[in-house]
């Protein structure tokens, strides 16, 4: 933060408050979901959204793009979708003056700032892998040429938790590529009434632009400068290591977890805690930041055992038990 004055930092923190308010003009409720998506964006990762259809996931992503003045594209993933449908392909072009023919790379929809990958688990593994590779590397390689993706680059992939027939569940190693696994739940009665009033009337729903892409990149750099104490760093390390079945692991882990989280979970938890602190106007992460994000960071990184399924235990139950069982010091 040495290159920024206190006034510069406070101004950027104020823009984050404006960003949340702008999204709130189109999205009713879902405060935790909005916060987690903004955390994913600030931390420079990608999010997997899980929720039944009709909960406003597409509207949320589009509103985020409008508030940030970023390009937004949506891809509906289907069983016949090929990698080239997402990444792009080469087209043979002919110069009518000279007759010379050459190939030109036609960019696919992945060349955008915000990509909504709708129902990612409905497309075959080859296409899933192509998207996830681009997410990780932030580049697309085609015909031995590497093409840089726009910055910032943020993917929000959705999957329907109800329908499993005809789907291709993402392997655990690929799920690990998502920074956060965000659960989108039904709105409350009051929120649903407000949604009905807002979406069936003549006005409402306009999202003002409050931030540019360059400011997002600057905030992503600022996130890494947020302070995290050595005690909290050690606590995150113990949390992640305690999620792996071993003689010293908590009882819930030994009983319900088949495979625990890897080091990437610790990296994600620290970055997300720092992003949450920044989003709330603080320059230091706290224990509450880590505890609040432990479930969305770790729920998709734990492979549960048959005993967990038989007894109706979820990954969130295990994570909650970890937070309670692992001491801060």
C-alpha atoms as a PDB file:
ATOM      1  CA  UNK A   1       0.000   0.000   0.000  1.00  0.00           C
ATOM      2  CA  UNK A   2       3.037   2.269  -0.046  1.00  0.00           C
ATOM      3  CA  UNK A   3       2.092   3.684  -3.456  1.00  0.00           C
ATOM      4  CA  UNK A   4      -1.357   4.748  -2.237  1.00  0.00           C
ATOM      5  CA  UNK A   5      -2.245   7.530   0.156  1.00  0.00           C
ATOM      6  CA  UNK A   6      -4.810   7.072   2.908  1.00  0.00           C
ATOM      7  CA  UNK A   7      -7.237   9.203   0.875  1.00  0.00           C
ATOM      8  CA  UNK A   8      -6.781   6.973  -2.191  1.00  0.00           C
ATOM      9  CA  UNK A   9      -7.491   3.834  -0.168  1.00  0.00           C
ATOM     10  CA  UNK A  10     -10.586   5.312   1.460  1.00  0.00           C
ATOM     11  CA  UNK A  11     -11.868   6.463  -1.917  1.00  0.00           C
ATOM     12  CA  UNK A  12     -11.539   2.948  -3.319  1.00  0.00           C
ATOM     13  CA  UNK A  13     -13.255   1.459  -0.298  1.00  0.00           C
ATOM     14  CA  UNK A  14     -16.082   3.917  -0.836  1.00  0.00           C
ATOM     15  CA  UNK A  15     -16.464   2.734  -4.430  1.00  0.00           C
ATOM     16  CA  UNK A  16     -17.003  -0.798  -3.148  1.00  0.00           C
ATOM     17  CA  UNK A  17     -19.916   0.432  -1.037  1.00  0.00           C
ATOM     18  CA  UNK A  18     -21.330   2.169  -4.119  1.00  0.00           C
ATOM     19  CA  UNK A  19     -20.930  -1.080  -6.070  1.00  0.00           C
ATOM     20  CA  UNK A  20     -22.985  -3.068  -3.572  1.00  0.00           C
ATOM     21  CA  UNK A  21     -25.662  -0.387  -3.557  1.00  0.00           C
ATOM     22  CA  UNK A  22     -25.820  -0.354  -7.364  1.00  0.00           C
ATOM     23  CA  UNK A  23     -26.317  -4.118  -7.565  1.00  0.00           C
ATOM     24  CA  UNK A  24     -28.995  -3.824  -4.875  1.00  0.00           C
ATOM     25  CA  UNK A  25     -31.078  -1.668  -7.222  1.00  0.00           C
ATOM     26  CA  UNK A  26     -31.681  -4.722  -9.430  1.00  0.00           C
ATOM     27  CA  UNK A  27     -31.266  -7.604  -6.961  1.00  0.00           C
ATOM     28  CA  UNK A  28     -33.627  -7.960  -4.012  1.00  0.00           C
ATOM     29  CA  UNK A  29     -32.134  -9.722  -1.005  1.00  0.00           C
ATOM     30  CA  UNK A  30     -29.447 -12.402  -1.497  1.00  0.00           C
ATOM     31  CA  UNK A  31     -26.995 -10.260   0.480  1.00  0.00           C
ATOM     32  CA  UNK A  32     -24.696 -13.197   1.252  1.00  0.00           C
ATOM     33  CA  UNK A  33     -24.644 -14.308  -2.388  1.00  0.00           C
ATOM     34  CA  UNK A  34     -23.828 -10.797  -3.625  1.00  0.00           C
ATOM     35  CA  UNK A  35     -21.089 -10.477  -1.016  1.00  0.00           C
ATOM     36  CA  UNK A  36     -19.528 -13.821  -1.943  1.00  0.00           C
ATOM     37  CA  UNK A  37     -19.556 -13.008  -5.666  1.00  0.00           C
ATOM     38  CA  UNK A  38     -17.856  -9.673  -5.016  1.00  0.00           C
ATOM     39  CA  UNK A  39     -15.328 -11.448  -2.796  1.00  0.00           C
ATOM     40  CA  UNK A  40     -14.601 -13.892  -5.623  1.00  0.00           C
ATOM     41  CA  UNK A  41     -14.139 -11.005  -8.040  1.00  0.00           C
ATOM     42  CA  UNK A  42     -11.840  -9.044  -5.718  1.00  0.00           C
ATOM     43  CA  UNK A  43      -9.799 -12.140  -4.885  1.00  0.00           C
ATOM     44  CA  UNK A  44      -9.268 -12.812  -8.596  1.00  0.00           C
ATOM     45  CA  UNK A  45     -10.946 -16.236  -8.622  1.00  0.00           C
ATOM     46  CA  UNK A  46     -14.064 -17.829 -10.056  1.00  0.00           C
ATOM     47  CA  UNK A  47     -17.329 -18.917  -8.457  1.00  0.00           C
ATOM     48  CA  UNK A  48     -19.577 -21.949  -8.790  1.00  0.00           C
ATOM     49  CA  UNK A  49     -23.211 -21.061  -8.108  1.00  0.00           C
ATOM     50  CA  UNK A  50     -25.621 -23.782  -7.102  1.00  0.00           C
ATOM     51  CA  UNK A  51     -29.343 -23.156  -6.992  1.00  0.00           C
ATOM     52  CA  UNK A  52     -32.632 -24.104  -8.582  1.00  0.00           C
ATOM     53  CA  UNK A  53     -33.759 -22.215 -11.729  1.00  0.00           C
ATOM     54  CA  UNK A  54     -35.469 -18.866 -11.393  1.00  0.00           C
ATOM     55  CA  UNK A  55     -33.525 -17.394  -8.484  1.00  0.00           C
ATOM     56  CA  UNK A  56     -31.981 -14.549 -10.491  1.00  0.00           C
ATOM     57  CA  UNK A  57     -28.478 -15.918 -11.084  1.00  0.00           C
ATOM     58  CA  UNK A  58     -28.300 -14.531 -14.635  1.00  0.00           C
ATOM     59  CA  UNK A  59     -29.711 -11.165 -13.566  1.00  0.00           C
ATOM     60  CA  UNK A  60     -27.157 -10.990 -10.776  1.00  0.00           C
ATOM     61  CA  UNK A  61     -24.213 -11.537 -13.122  1.00  0.00           C
ATOM     62  CA  UNK A  62     -25.589  -9.109 -15.710  1.00  0.00           C
ATOM     63  CA  UNK A  63     -26.152  -6.488 -13.006  1.00  0.00           C
ATOM     64  CA  UNK A  64     -22.579  -6.947 -11.823  1.00  0.00           C
ATOM     65  CA  UNK A  65     -21.345  -6.381 -15.376  1.00  0.00           C
ATOM     66  CA  UNK A  66     -23.446  -3.226 -15.763  1.00  0.00           C
ATOM     67  CA  UNK A  67     -22.295  -1.795 -12.435  1.00  0.00           C
ATOM     68  CA  UNK A  68     -18.660  -2.435 -13.390  1.00  0.00           C
ATOM     69  CA  UNK A  69     -19.016  -1.504 -17.060  1.00  0.00           C
ATOM     70  CA  UNK A  70     -17.621  -4.890 -18.074  1.00  0.00           C
ATOM     71  CA  UNK A  71     -18.471  -7.087 -21.039  1.00  0.00           C
ATOM     72  CA  UNK A  72     -20.873  -9.866 -20.114  1.00  0.00           C
ATOM     73  CA  UNK A  73     -21.675 -13.052 -22.006  1.00  0.00           C
ATOM     74  CA  UNK A  74     -23.769 -16.072 -21.188  1.00  0.00           C
ATOM     75  CA  UNK A  75     -23.210 -19.575 -22.534  1.00  0.00           C
ATOM     76  CA  UNK A  76     -25.884 -22.236 -22.084  1.00  0.00           C
ATOM     77  CA  UNK A  77     -23.978 -25.491 -21.712  1.00  0.00           C
ATOM     78  CA  UNK A  78     -25.536 -28.475 -23.484  1.00  0.00           C
ATOM     79  CA  UNK A  79     -24.452 -32.086 -24.135  1.00  0.00           C
ATOM     80  CA  UNK A  80     -23.464 -31.259 -27.739  1.00  0.00           C
ATOM     81  CA  UNK A  81     -21.329 -28.199 -26.905  1.00  0.00           C
ATOM     82  CA  UNK A  82     -17.754 -28.501 -28.161  1.00  0.00           C
ATOM     83  CA  UNK A  83     -14.614 -26.747 -26.818  1.00  0.00           C
ATOM     84  CA  UNK A  84     -14.385 -24.628 -29.973  1.00  0.00           C
ATOM     85  CA  UNK A  85     -17.905 -23.303 -29.288  1.00  0.00           C
ATOM     86  CA  UNK A  86     -16.474 -21.635 -26.182  1.00  0.00           C
ATOM     87  CA  UNK A  87     -12.833 -20.950 -26.949  1.00  0.00           C
ATOM     88  CA  UNK A  88     -13.122 -20.066 -30.633  1.00  0.00           C
ATOM     89  CA  UNK A  89     -11.897 -21.509 -33.909  1.00  0.00           C
ATOM     90  CA  UNK A  90      -9.846 -20.665 -36.986  1.00  0.00           C
ATOM     91  CA  UNK A  91     -11.561 -19.462 -40.135  1.00  0.00           C
ATOM     92  CA  UNK A  92     -10.069 -19.708 -43.615  1.00  0.00           C
ATOM     93  CA  UNK A  93     -10.175 -16.312 -45.310  1.00  0.00           C
ATOM     94  CA  UNK A  94      -9.290 -15.333 -48.850  1.00  0.00           C
ATOM     95  CA  UNK A  95      -8.010 -11.974 -50.027  1.00  0.00           C
ATOM     96  CA  UNK A  96     -10.110 -11.306 -53.121  1.00  0.00           C
ATOM     97  CA  UNK A  97      -7.479  -8.964 -54.519  1.00  0.00           C
ATOM     98  CA  UNK A  98      -4.515 -11.341 -54.364  1.00  0.00           C
ATOM     99  CA  UNK A  99      -6.243 -14.686 -53.945  1.00  0.00           C
ATOM    100  CA  UNK A 100      -4.059 -15.362 -50.909  1.00  0.00           C
ATOM    101  CA  UNK A 101      -5.656 -17.569 -48.261  1.00  0.00           C
ATOM    102  CA  UNK A 102      -4.893 -17.460 -44.561  1.00  0.00           C
ATOM    103  CA  UNK A 103      -6.369 -18.568 -41.252  1.00  0.00           C
ATOM    104  CA  UNK A 104      -7.789 -16.075 -38.791  1.00  0.00           C
ATOM    105  CA  UNK A 105      -8.664 -16.952 -35.193  1.00  0.00           C
ATOM    106  CA  UNK A 106     -12.289 -16.193 -34.419  1.00  0.00           C
ATOM    107  CA  UNK A 107     -12.613 -15.582 -30.702  1.00  0.00           C
ATOM    108  CA  UNK A 108     -15.279 -17.502 -28.801  1.00  0.00           C
ATOM    109  CA  UNK A 109     -17.580 -16.193 -26.072  1.00  0.00           C
ATOM    110  CA  UNK A 110     -14.939 -16.846 -23.413  1.00  0.00           C
ATOM    111  CA  UNK A 111     -13.190 -13.650 -24.554  1.00  0.00           C
ATOM    112  CA  UNK A 112     -15.141 -11.413 -22.198  1.00  0.00           C
ATOM    113  CA  UNK A 113     -14.817  -9.982 -18.698  1.00  0.00           C
ATOM    114  CA  UNK A 114     -17.774 -11.730 -17.083  1.00  0.00           C
ATOM    115  CA  UNK A 115     -18.814 -15.163 -18.321  1.00  0.00           C
ATOM    116  CA  UNK A 116     -21.896 -16.950 -17.054  1.00  0.00           C
ATOM    117  CA  UNK A 117     -21.405 -20.655 -17.730  1.00  0.00           C
ATOM    118  CA  UNK A 118     -24.976 -21.833 -17.291  1.00  0.00           C
ATOM    119  CA  UNK A 119     -25.428 -25.449 -16.164  1.00  0.00           C
ATOM    120  CA  UNK A 120     -21.787 -26.395 -16.593  1.00  0.00           C
ATOM    121  CA  UNK A 121     -22.460 -29.967 -15.504  1.00  0.00           C
ATOM    122  CA  UNK A 122     -24.610 -30.609 -18.596  1.00  0.00           C
ATOM    123  CA  UNK A 123     -21.675 -30.503 -21.011  1.00  0.00           C
ATOM    124  CA  UNK A 124     -19.171 -33.350 -21.611  1.00  0.00           C
ATOM    125  CA  UNK A 125     -15.846 -33.481 -19.725  1.00  0.00           C
ATOM    126  CA  UNK A 126     -13.846 -32.362 -22.789  1.00  0.00           C
ATOM    127  CA  UNK A 127     -15.704 -29.044 -22.901  1.00  0.00           C
ATOM    128  CA  UNK A 128     -15.623 -28.654 -19.130  1.00  0.00           C
ATOM    129  CA  UNK A 129     -11.852 -29.173 -19.140  1.00  0.00           C
ATOM    130  CA  UNK A 130     -11.368 -26.581 -21.900  1.00  0.00           C
ATOM    131  CA  UNK A 131     -13.215 -23.948 -19.893  1.00  0.00           C
ATOM    132  CA  UNK A 132     -11.477 -24.786 -16.618  1.00  0.00           C
ATOM    133  CA  UNK A 133      -8.041 -24.670 -18.249  1.00  0.00           C
ATOM    134  CA  UNK A 134      -8.771 -21.197 -19.583  1.00  0.00           C
ATOM    135  CA  UNK A 135     -10.019 -20.167 -16.127  1.00  0.00           C
ATOM    136  CA  UNK A 136      -6.783 -21.277 -14.519  1.00  0.00           C
ATOM    137  CA  UNK A 137      -4.318 -19.967 -17.093  1.00  0.00           C
ATOM    138  CA  UNK A 138      -6.355 -16.941 -18.255  1.00  0.00           C
ATOM    139  CA  UNK A 139      -5.212 -17.782 -21.780  1.00  0.00           C
ATOM    140  CA  UNK A 140      -6.507 -19.776 -24.743  1.00  0.00           C
ATOM    141  CA  UNK A 141      -4.085 -21.795 -26.879  1.00  0.00           C
ATOM    142  CA  UNK A 142      -5.142 -22.670 -30.406  1.00  0.00           C
ATOM    143  CA  UNK A 143      -2.929 -23.900 -33.243  1.00  0.00           C
ATOM    144  CA  UNK A 144       0.226 -23.286 -31.170  1.00  0.00           C
ATOM    145  CA  UNK A 145      -0.715 -19.628 -30.610  1.00  0.00           C
ATOM    146  CA  UNK A 146      -1.546 -18.327 -27.136  1.00  0.00           C
ATOM    147  CA  UNK A 147      -4.284 -15.705 -26.851  1.00  0.00           C
ATOM    148  CA  UNK A 148      -4.626 -13.639 -23.675  1.00  0.00           C
ATOM    149  CA  UNK A 149      -8.079 -13.339 -22.147  1.00  0.00           C
ATOM    150  CA  UNK A 150      -9.368  -9.881 -21.176  1.00  0.00           C
ATOM    151  CA  UNK A 151      -8.663  -8.584 -17.688  1.00  0.00           C
ATOM    152  CA  UNK A 152     -10.430  -8.742 -15.346  1.00  0.00           C
ATOM    153  CA  UNK A 153     -11.711 -12.211 -16.217  1.00  0.00           C
ATOM    154  CA  UNK A 154     -14.383 -13.673 -13.977  1.00  0.00           C
ATOM    155  CA  UNK A 155     -16.331 -16.903 -14.540  1.00  0.00           C
ATOM    156  CA  UNK A 156     -19.531 -17.759 -12.727  1.00  0.00           C
ATOM    157  CA  UNK A 157     -20.623 -21.306 -13.454  1.00  0.00           C
ATOM    158  CA  UNK A 158     -24.013 -22.604 -12.370  1.00  0.00           C
ATOM    159  CA  UNK A 159     -25.338 -26.063 -11.744  1.00  0.00           C
ATOM    160  CA  UNK A 160     -28.819 -27.282 -10.862  1.00  0.00           C
ATOM    161  CA  UNK A 161     -28.749 -29.392  -7.674  1.00  0.00           C
ATOM    162  CA  UNK A 162     -32.069 -31.088  -8.442  1.00  0.00           C
ATOM    163  CA  UNK A 163     -31.534 -32.743 -11.797  1.00  0.00           C
ATOM    164  CA  UNK A 164     -28.691 -35.248 -12.141  1.00  0.00           C
ATOM    165  CA  UNK A 165     -29.959 -37.294 -15.107  1.00  0.00           C
ATOM    166  CA  UNK A 166     -27.923 -36.610 -18.249  1.00  0.00           C
ATOM    167  CA  UNK A 167     -25.294 -34.569 -16.440  1.00  0.00           C
ATOM    168  CA  UNK A 168     -21.526 -34.846 -16.136  1.00  0.00           C
ATOM    169  CA  UNK A 169     -20.589 -34.034 -12.524  1.00  0.00           C
ATOM    170  CA  UNK A 170     -17.363 -32.086 -12.228  1.00  0.00           C
ATOM    171  CA  UNK A 171     -14.500 -34.176 -10.783  1.00  0.00           C
ATOM    172  CA  UNK A 172     -13.130 -33.074  -7.426  1.00  0.00           C
ATOM    173  CA  UNK A 173      -9.861 -31.943  -9.019  1.00  0.00           C
ATOM    174  CA  UNK A 174     -11.773 -29.587 -11.317  1.00  0.00           C
ATOM    175  CA  UNK A 175     -14.100 -28.355  -8.573  1.00  0.00           C
ATOM    176  CA  UNK A 176     -10.958 -27.293  -6.725  1.00  0.00           C
ATOM    177  CA  UNK A 177     -10.337 -24.720  -9.474  1.00  0.00           C
ATOM    178  CA  UNK A 178     -13.311 -22.681  -8.244  1.00  0.00           C
ATOM    179  CA  UNK A 179     -12.422 -20.232  -5.510  1.00  0.00           C
ATOM    180  CA  UNK A 180     -15.909 -20.317  -3.980  1.00  0.00           C
ATOM    181  CA  UNK A 181     -18.922 -22.619  -4.102  1.00  0.00           C
ATOM    182  CA  UNK A 182     -21.876 -20.267  -3.580  1.00  0.00           C
ATOM    183  CA  UNK A 183     -25.295 -21.591  -2.566  1.00  0.00           C
ATOM    184  CA  UNK A 184     -28.269 -19.575  -3.868  1.00  0.00           C
ATOM    185  CA  UNK A 185     -31.320 -20.206  -1.693  1.00  0.00           C
ATOM    186  CA  UNK A 186     -34.958 -19.199  -1.993  1.00  0.00           C
ATOM    187  CA  UNK A 187     -35.771 -15.623  -0.931  1.00  0.00           C
ATOM    188  CA  UNK A 188     -37.719 -14.822   2.197  1.00  0.00           C
ATOM    189  CA  UNK A 189     -41.434 -14.022   1.917  1.00  0.00           C
ATOM    190  CA  UNK A 190     -40.765 -10.294   2.205  1.00  0.00           C
ATOM    191  CA  UNK A 191     -38.005 -10.442  -0.419  1.00  0.00           C
ATOM    192  CA  UNK A 192     -40.153 -12.493  -2.787  1.00  0.00           C
ATOM    193  CA  UNK A 193     -42.990  -9.972  -2.501  1.00  0.00           C
ATOM    194  CA  UNK A 194     -40.537  -7.177  -3.347  1.00  0.00           C
ATOM    195  CA  UNK A 195     -39.235  -9.186  -6.326  1.00  0.00           C
ATOM    196  CA  UNK A 196     -42.754  -9.654  -7.687  1.00  0.00           C
ATOM    197  CA  UNK A 197     -43.529  -5.955  -7.301  1.00  0.00           C
ATOM    198  CA  UNK A 198     -40.267  -4.846  -8.931  1.00  0.00           C
ATOM    199  CA  UNK A 199     -40.323  -7.227 -11.887  1.00  0.00           C
ATOM    200  CA  UNK A 200     -43.981  -6.846 -12.865  1.00  0.00           C
ATOM    201  CA  UNK A 201     -44.185  -3.061 -12.718  1.00  0.00           C
ATOM    202  CA  UNK A 202     -43.325  -0.392 -15.278  1.00  0.00           C
ATOM    203  CA  UNK A 203     -39.970   0.723 -13.875  1.00  0.00           C
ATOM    204  CA  UNK A 204     -37.112  -0.299 -11.628  1.00  0.00           C
ATOM    205  CA  UNK A 205     -34.123  -2.491 -12.059  1.00  0.00           C
ATOM    206  CA  UNK A 206     -31.711  -0.006 -13.686  1.00  0.00           C
ATOM    207  CA  UNK A 207     -28.123  -0.506 -12.565  1.00  0.00           C
ATOM    208  CA  UNK A 208     -25.820   2.548 -12.620  1.00  0.00           C
ATOM    209  CA  UNK A 209     -22.187   2.183 -13.610  1.00  0.00           C
ATOM    210  CA  UNK A 210     -19.975   2.930 -10.622  1.00  0.00           C
ATOM    211  CA  UNK A 211     -16.614   1.396 -11.500  1.00  0.00           C
ATOM    212  CA  UNK A 212     -14.360   0.616 -14.471  1.00  0.00           C
ATOM    213  CA  UNK A 213     -12.381  -2.531 -15.178  1.00  0.00           C
ATOM    214  CA  UNK A 214      -9.096  -0.792 -14.341  1.00  0.00           C
ATOM    215  CA  UNK A 215     -10.401  -0.005 -10.865  1.00  0.00           C
ATOM    216  CA  UNK A 216     -11.299  -3.670 -10.346  1.00  0.00           C
ATOM    217  CA  UNK A 217      -7.736  -4.670 -11.214  1.00  0.00           C
ATOM    218  CA  UNK A 218      -6.392  -2.085  -8.778  1.00  0.00           C
ATOM    219  CA  UNK A 219      -8.643  -3.420  -6.019  1.00  0.00           C
ATOM    220  CA  UNK A 220      -7.511  -6.975  -6.745  1.00  0.00           C
ATOM    221  CA  UNK A 221      -3.945  -5.821  -6.101  1.00  0.00           C
ATOM    222  CA  UNK A 222      -5.051  -4.026  -2.950  1.00  0.00           C
ATOM    223  CA  UNK A 223      -6.621  -7.226  -1.593  1.00  0.00           C
ATOM    224  CA  UNK A 224      -3.213  -8.885  -1.337  1.00  0.00           C
ATOM    225  CA  UNK A 225      -1.954  -5.998   0.786  1.00  0.00           C
ATOM    226  CA  UNK A 226      -4.660  -6.479   3.425  1.00  0.00           C
ATOM    227  CA  UNK A 227      -3.057  -7.557   6.696  1.00  0.00           C
ATOM    228  CA  UNK A 228      -3.461 -11.075   8.070  1.00  0.00           C
ATOM    229  CA  UNK A 229      -1.861 -11.836  11.425  1.00  0.00           C
ATOM    230  CA  UNK A 230       0.463 -14.784  11.965  1.00  0.00           C
ATOM    231  CA  UNK A 231      -2.065 -16.275  14.403  1.00  0.00           C
ATOM    232  CA  UNK A 232      -4.779 -16.295  11.731  1.00  0.00           C
ATOM    233  CA  UNK A 233      -2.373 -17.690   9.151  1.00  0.00           C
ATOM    234  CA  UNK A 234      -1.572 -20.551  11.508  1.00  0.00           C
ATOM    235  CA  UNK A 235      -5.292 -21.082  12.205  1.00  0.00           C
ATOM    236  CA  UNK A 236      -6.106 -21.359   8.487  1.00  0.00           C
ATOM    237  CA  UNK A 237      -3.279 -23.877   8.115  1.00  0.00           C
ATOM    238  CA  UNK A 238      -4.648 -25.974  10.973  1.00  0.00           C
ATOM    239  CA  UNK A 239      -8.217 -25.765   9.628  1.00  0.00           C
ATOM    240  CA  UNK A 240      -7.227 -27.075   6.205  1.00  0.00           C
ATOM    241  CA  UNK A 241      -4.979 -29.799   7.582  1.00  0.00           C
ATOM    242  CA  UNK A 242      -7.659 -30.890  10.067  1.00  0.00           C
ATOM    243  CA  UNK A 243     -10.050 -31.520   7.138  1.00  0.00           C
ATOM    244  CA  UNK A 244      -7.932 -34.514   6.087  1.00  0.00           C
ATOM    245  CA  UNK A 245      -8.785 -37.841   7.738  1.00  0.00           C
ATOM    246  CA  UNK A 246      -6.064 -38.821  10.198  1.00  0.00           C
ATOM    247  CA  UNK A 247      -5.733 -40.023  13.769  1.00  0.00           C
ATOM    248  CA  UNK A 248      -5.407 -36.437  14.983  1.00  0.00           C
ATOM    249  CA  UNK A 249      -8.366 -35.086  12.948  1.00  0.00           C
ATOM    250  CA  UNK A 250     -11.663 -34.171  14.675  1.00  0.00           C
ATOM    251  CA  UNK A 251     -14.169 -36.993  15.051  1.00  0.00           C
ATOM    252  CA  UNK A 252     -16.515 -35.570  12.387  1.00  0.00           C
ATOM    253  CA  UNK A 253     -13.690 -35.588   9.839  1.00  0.00           C
ATOM    254  CA  UNK A 254     -12.583 -39.151  10.615  1.00  0.00           C
ATOM    255  CA  UNK A 255     -16.173 -40.359  10.328  1.00  0.00           C
ATOM    256  CA  UNK A 256     -17.597 -38.343   7.456  1.00  0.00           C
ATOM    257  CA  UNK A 257     -14.689 -37.280   5.209  1.00  0.00           C
ATOM    258  CA  UNK A 258     -13.065 -39.572   2.677  1.00  0.00           C
ATOM    259  CA  UNK A 259     -10.690 -37.003   1.213  1.00  0.00           C
ATOM    260  CA  UNK A 260      -9.857 -33.604   2.671  1.00  0.00           C
ATOM    261  CA  UNK A 261      -8.954 -30.210   1.257  1.00  0.00           C
ATOM    262  CA  UNK A 262      -5.566 -29.461  -0.299  1.00  0.00           C
ATOM    263  CA  UNK A 263      -3.302 -26.418   0.074  1.00  0.00           C
ATOM    264  CA  UNK A 264      -5.329 -24.500  -2.513  1.00  0.00           C
ATOM    265  CA  UNK A 265      -8.136 -24.324   0.056  1.00  0.00           C
ATOM    266  CA  UNK A 266      -5.858 -22.433   2.432  1.00  0.00           C
ATOM    267  CA  UNK A 267      -4.828 -20.014  -0.298  1.00  0.00           C
ATOM    268  CA  UNK A 268      -8.467 -19.422  -1.211  1.00  0.00           C
ATOM    269  CA  UNK A 269      -9.537 -18.930   2.405  1.00  0.00           C
ATOM    270  CA  UNK A 270      -6.855 -16.325   3.062  1.00  0.00           C
ATOM    271  CA  UNK A 271      -7.514 -14.372  -0.136  1.00  0.00           C
ATOM    272  CA  UNK A 272     -11.275 -14.449   0.410  1.00  0.00           C
ATOM    273  CA  UNK A 273     -10.905 -13.333   4.031  1.00  0.00           C
ATOM    274  CA  UNK A 274      -8.777 -10.405   2.867  1.00  0.00           C
ATOM    275  CA  UNK A 275     -11.314  -9.539   0.151  1.00  0.00           C
ATOM    276  CA  UNK A 276     -14.172  -9.645   2.674  1.00  0.00           C
ATOM    277  CA  UNK A 277     -12.280  -7.315   4.984  1.00  0.00           C
ATOM    278  CA  UNK A 278     -11.695  -4.875   2.132  1.00  0.00           C
ATOM    279  CA  UNK A 279     -15.330  -5.115   1.051  1.00  0.00           C
ATOM    280  CA  UNK A 280     -16.366  -4.107   4.560  1.00  0.00           C
ATOM    281  CA  UNK A 281     -13.956  -1.188   4.642  1.00  0.00           C
ATOM    282  CA  UNK A 282     -11.188  -2.782   6.700  1.00  0.00           C
ATOM    283  CA  UNK A 283      -7.489  -3.202   5.939  1.00  0.00           C
ATOM    284  CA  UNK A 284      -6.995  -6.215   8.211  1.00  0.00           C
ATOM    285  CA  UNK A 285      -8.714  -9.607   8.102  1.00  0.00           C
ATOM    286  CA  UNK A 286     -10.253 -11.071  11.253  1.00  0.00           C
ATOM    287  CA  UNK A 287     -11.274 -14.460  12.592  1.00  0.00           C
ATOM    288  CA  UNK A 288     -14.880 -13.641  11.648  1.00  0.00           C
ATOM    289  CA  UNK A 289     -13.851 -13.187   7.996  1.00  0.00           C
ATOM    290  CA  UNK A 290     -12.293 -16.636   7.925  1.00  0.00           C
ATOM    291  CA  UNK A 291     -15.169 -18.315   9.772  1.00  0.00           C
ATOM    292  CA  UNK A 292     -17.761 -16.692   7.476  1.00  0.00           C
ATOM    293  CA  UNK A 293     -16.046 -17.994   4.336  1.00  0.00           C
ATOM    294  CA  UNK A 294     -14.927 -21.415   5.539  1.00  0.00           C
ATOM    295  CA  UNK A 295     -18.039 -23.148   4.140  1.00  0.00           C
ATOM    296  CA  UNK A 296     -18.113 -21.605   0.624  1.00  0.00           C
ATOM    297  CA  UNK A 297     -14.343 -22.127   0.308  1.00  0.00           C
ATOM    298  CA  UNK A 298     -14.221 -25.725   1.556  1.00  0.00           C
ATOM    299  CA  UNK A 299     -17.625 -27.316   0.835  1.00  0.00           C
ATOM    300  CA  UNK A 300     -16.638 -28.360  -2.697  1.00  0.00           C
ATOM    301  CA  UNK A 301     -13.157 -29.446  -1.657  1.00  0.00           C
ATOM    302  CA  UNK A 302     -14.261 -32.218   0.706  1.00  0.00           C
ATOM    303  CA  UNK A 303     -15.122 -35.694  -0.550  1.00  0.00           C
ATOM    304  CA  UNK A 304     -17.605 -37.133   1.922  1.00  0.00           C
ATOM    305  CA  UNK A 305     -17.856 -40.774   2.902  1.00  0.00           C
ATOM    306  CA  UNK A 306     -20.806 -43.117   2.610  1.00  0.00           C
ATOM    307  CA  UNK A 307     -21.432 -42.665   6.328  1.00  0.00           C
ATOM    308  CA  UNK A 308     -22.061 -38.953   5.783  1.00  0.00           C
ATOM    309  CA  UNK A 309     -24.595 -39.655   3.046  1.00  0.00           C
ATOM    310  CA  UNK A 310     -26.285 -42.352   5.121  1.00  0.00           C
ATOM    311  CA  UNK A 311     -26.587 -40.091   8.149  1.00  0.00           C
ATOM    312  CA  UNK A 312     -27.580 -36.990   6.184  1.00  0.00           C
ATOM    313  CA  UNK A 313     -24.451 -34.992   6.981  1.00  0.00           C
ATOM    314  CA  UNK A 314     -23.323 -32.321   4.540  1.00  0.00           C
ATOM    315  CA  UNK A 315     -19.960 -30.740   3.850  1.00  0.00           C
ATOM    316  CA  UNK A 316     -21.204 -27.604   5.606  1.00  0.00           C
ATOM    317  CA  UNK A 317     -21.816 -29.654   8.760  1.00  0.00           C
ATOM    318  CA  UNK A 318     -18.229 -30.898   8.658  1.00  0.00           C
ATOM    319  CA  UNK A 319     -16.818 -27.406   8.064  1.00  0.00           C
ATOM    320  CA  UNK A 320     -18.855 -25.990  10.944  1.00  0.00           C
ATOM    321  CA  UNK A 321     -17.499 -28.741  13.193  1.00  0.00           C
ATOM    322  CA  UNK A 322     -13.957 -27.922  12.056  1.00  0.00           C
ATOM    323  CA  UNK A 323     -14.333 -24.238  12.894  1.00  0.00           C
ATOM    324  CA  UNK A 324     -15.585 -25.177  16.369  1.00  0.00           C
ATOM    325  CA  UNK A 325     -12.993 -27.888  16.996  1.00  0.00           C
ATOM    326  CA  UNK A 326      -9.771 -26.254  15.754  1.00  0.00           C
ATOM    327  CA  UNK A 327      -8.498 -23.710  18.311  1.00  0.00           C
ATOM    328  CA  UNK A 328      -7.380 -20.267  17.243  1.00  0.00           C
ATOM    329  CA  UNK A 329      -4.226 -20.536  19.322  1.00  0.00           C
END
